[in-house]
C-alpha atoms as a PDB file:
ATOM      1  CA  UNK A   1      14.774   8.905  62.880  1.00  0.00           C
ATOM      2  CA  UNK A   2      11.951   8.699  65.401  1.00  0.00           C
ATOM      3  CA  UNK A   3       8.431   8.123  64.107  1.00  0.00           C
ATOM      4  CA  UNK A   4       5.711  10.155  65.768  1.00  0.00           C
ATOM      5  CA  UNK A   5       2.648   8.217  66.824  1.00  0.00           C
ATOM      6  CA  UNK A   6      -0.408   9.416  64.968  1.00  0.00           C
ATOM      7  CA  UNK A   7      -3.832   8.253  66.112  1.00  0.00           C
ATOM      8  CA  UNK A   8      -5.725   7.507  62.890  1.00  0.00           C
ATOM      9  CA  UNK A   9      -9.196   7.842  64.473  1.00  0.00           C
ATOM     10  CA  UNK A  10      -8.293  11.143  66.103  1.00  0.00           C
ATOM     11  CA  UNK A  11      -6.805  12.386  62.826  1.00  0.00           C
ATOM     12  CA  UNK A  12      -9.990  11.469  60.921  1.00  0.00           C
ATOM     13  CA  UNK A  13     -12.110  13.224  63.552  1.00  0.00           C
ATOM     14  CA  UNK A  14     -10.003  16.396  63.259  1.00  0.00           C
ATOM     15  CA  UNK A  15     -10.232  16.312  59.460  1.00  0.00           C
ATOM     16  CA  UNK A  16     -14.021  15.957  59.705  1.00  0.00           C
ATOM     17  CA  UNK A  17     -14.068  18.957  62.079  1.00  0.00           C
ATOM     18  CA  UNK A  18     -12.319  21.009  59.399  1.00  0.00           C
ATOM     19  CA  UNK A  19     -14.694  19.796  56.655  1.00  0.00           C
ATOM     20  CA  UNK A  20     -17.684  20.736  58.832  1.00  0.00           C
ATOM     21  CA  UNK A  21     -16.272  24.174  59.700  1.00  0.00           C
ATOM     22  CA  UNK A  22     -14.858  25.172  56.324  1.00  0.00           C
ATOM     23  CA  UNK A  23     -17.504  23.490  54.174  1.00  0.00           C
ATOM     24  CA  UNK A  24     -20.268  24.781  56.424  1.00  0.00           C
ATOM     25  CA  UNK A  25     -22.046  21.412  56.469  1.00  0.00           C
ATOM     26  CA  UNK A  26     -23.830  19.584  59.277  1.00  0.00           C
ATOM     27  CA  UNK A  27     -21.552  17.074  60.990  1.00  0.00           C
ATOM     28  CA  UNK A  28     -24.286  14.403  60.751  1.00  0.00           C
ATOM     29  CA  UNK A  29     -24.092  14.658  56.939  1.00  0.00           C
ATOM     30  CA  UNK A  30     -20.330  14.103  56.852  1.00  0.00           C
ATOM     31  CA  UNK A  31     -20.309  10.311  56.693  1.00  0.00           C
ATOM     32  CA  UNK A  32     -17.702   8.178  54.953  1.00  0.00           C
ATOM     33  CA  UNK A  33     -20.100   7.259  52.150  1.00  0.00           C
ATOM     34  CA  UNK A  34     -21.384  10.802  51.591  1.00  0.00           C
ATOM     35  CA  UNK A  35     -20.351  12.186  48.234  1.00  0.00           C
ATOM     36  CA  UNK A  36     -18.685  15.558  47.861  1.00  0.00           C
ATOM     37  CA  UNK A  37     -21.613  16.507  45.622  1.00  0.00           C
ATOM     38  CA  UNK A  38     -24.223  15.485  48.234  1.00  0.00           C
ATOM     39  CA  UNK A  39     -22.535  17.824  50.724  1.00  0.00           C
ATOM     40  CA  UNK A  40     -22.767  20.569  48.088  1.00  0.00           C
ATOM     41  CA  UNK A  41     -19.021  21.202  48.312  1.00  0.00           C
ATOM     42  CA  UNK A  42     -17.605  23.148  45.382  1.00  0.00           C
ATOM     43  CA  UNK A  43     -13.987  23.376  44.270  1.00  0.00           C
ATOM     44  CA  UNK A  44     -13.497  26.551  46.290  1.00  0.00           C
ATOM     45  CA  UNK A  45     -14.800  24.749  49.394  1.00  0.00           C
ATOM     46  CA  UNK A  46     -12.253  21.968  48.870  1.00  0.00           C
ATOM     47  CA  UNK A  47      -9.489  24.573  48.526  1.00  0.00           C
ATOM     48  CA  UNK A  48     -10.633  26.239  51.767  1.00  0.00           C
ATOM     49  CA  UNK A  49     -10.729  22.852  53.526  1.00  0.00           C
ATOM     50  CA  UNK A  50      -7.228  21.958  52.294  1.00  0.00           C
ATOM     51  CA  UNK A  51      -5.884  25.381  53.322  1.00  0.00           C
ATOM     52  CA  UNK A  52      -7.383  24.958  56.802  1.00  0.00           C
ATOM     53  CA  UNK A  53      -5.874  21.447  57.000  1.00  0.00           C
ATOM     54  CA  UNK A  54      -2.475  22.941  56.166  1.00  0.00           C
ATOM     55  CA  UNK A  55      -2.836  25.459  58.981  1.00  0.00           C
ATOM     56  CA  UNK A  56      -4.173  22.971  61.518  1.00  0.00           C
ATOM     57  CA  UNK A  57      -1.600  20.249  60.882  1.00  0.00           C
ATOM     58  CA  UNK A  58       1.320  22.440  59.776  1.00  0.00           C
ATOM     59  CA  UNK A  59       1.804  20.605  56.481  1.00  0.00           C
ATOM     60  CA  UNK A  60       1.988  21.754  52.876  1.00  0.00           C
ATOM     61  CA  UNK A  61      -0.688  20.182  50.695  1.00  0.00           C
ATOM     62  CA  UNK A  62      -0.171  20.401  46.926  1.00  0.00           C
ATOM     63  CA  UNK A  63      -3.321  21.729  45.304  1.00  0.00           C
ATOM     64  CA  UNK A  64      -2.849  19.404  42.331  1.00  0.00           C
ATOM     65  CA  UNK A  65      -2.791  16.300  44.508  1.00  0.00           C
ATOM     66  CA  UNK A  66      -5.317  13.439  44.669  1.00  0.00           C
ATOM     67  CA  UNK A  67      -7.521  15.511  46.974  1.00  0.00           C
ATOM     68  CA  UNK A  68      -9.377  17.192  44.110  1.00  0.00           C
ATOM     69  CA  UNK A  69     -10.217  13.860  42.487  1.00  0.00           C
ATOM     70  CA  UNK A  70     -12.032  12.620  45.596  1.00  0.00           C
ATOM     71  CA  UNK A  71     -15.667  11.809  44.909  1.00  0.00           C
ATOM     72  CA  UNK A  72     -16.688  10.935  48.446  1.00  0.00           C
ATOM     73  CA  UNK A  73     -15.782  11.871  51.997  1.00  0.00           C
ATOM     74  CA  UNK A  74     -13.899   8.614  52.617  1.00  0.00           C
ATOM     75  CA  UNK A  75     -11.545   9.074  49.670  1.00  0.00           C
ATOM     76  CA  UNK A  76     -10.987  12.736  50.577  1.00  0.00           C
ATOM     77  CA  UNK A  77     -10.225  11.921  54.223  1.00  0.00           C
ATOM     78  CA  UNK A  78      -8.076   8.915  53.267  1.00  0.00           C
ATOM     79  CA  UNK A  79      -6.003  11.052  50.887  1.00  0.00           C
ATOM     80  CA  UNK A  80      -5.579  13.858  53.433  1.00  0.00           C
ATOM     81  CA  UNK A  81      -4.819  11.504  56.345  1.00  0.00           C
ATOM     82  CA  UNK A  82      -2.289   9.505  54.322  1.00  0.00           C
ATOM     83  CA  UNK A  83      -0.573  12.706  53.268  1.00  0.00           C
ATOM     84  CA  UNK A  84      -0.434  14.109  56.817  1.00  0.00           C
ATOM     85  CA  UNK A  85       0.907  10.807  58.174  1.00  0.00           C
ATOM     86  CA  UNK A  86       3.527  10.671  55.414  1.00  0.00           C
ATOM     87  CA  UNK A  87       4.618  14.261  56.113  1.00  0.00           C
ATOM     88  CA  UNK A  88       4.665  13.904  59.902  1.00  0.00           C
ATOM     89  CA  UNK A  89       6.561  10.613  59.937  1.00  0.00           C
ATOM     90  CA  UNK A  90       9.084  11.466  57.213  1.00  0.00           C
END
């Protein structure tokens, strides 16, 4: 089975784009050490972000996954990126 090359930096940038658009937050505020709380993202915002990620990357993201436990942007992006990479290279 052939593994698709996935550019981690490009993937992170695209995930940040979705967080900015769906969470309606300034891109400058979306730093790796920013907390979900500091961005004023609520549970519904996270659901909207995950739904948009599903659409953008054509993957299914379980809503009970580690994504909802993320406390900061880095852990949220890491969880999403790892999941996308796993799905796209499986």
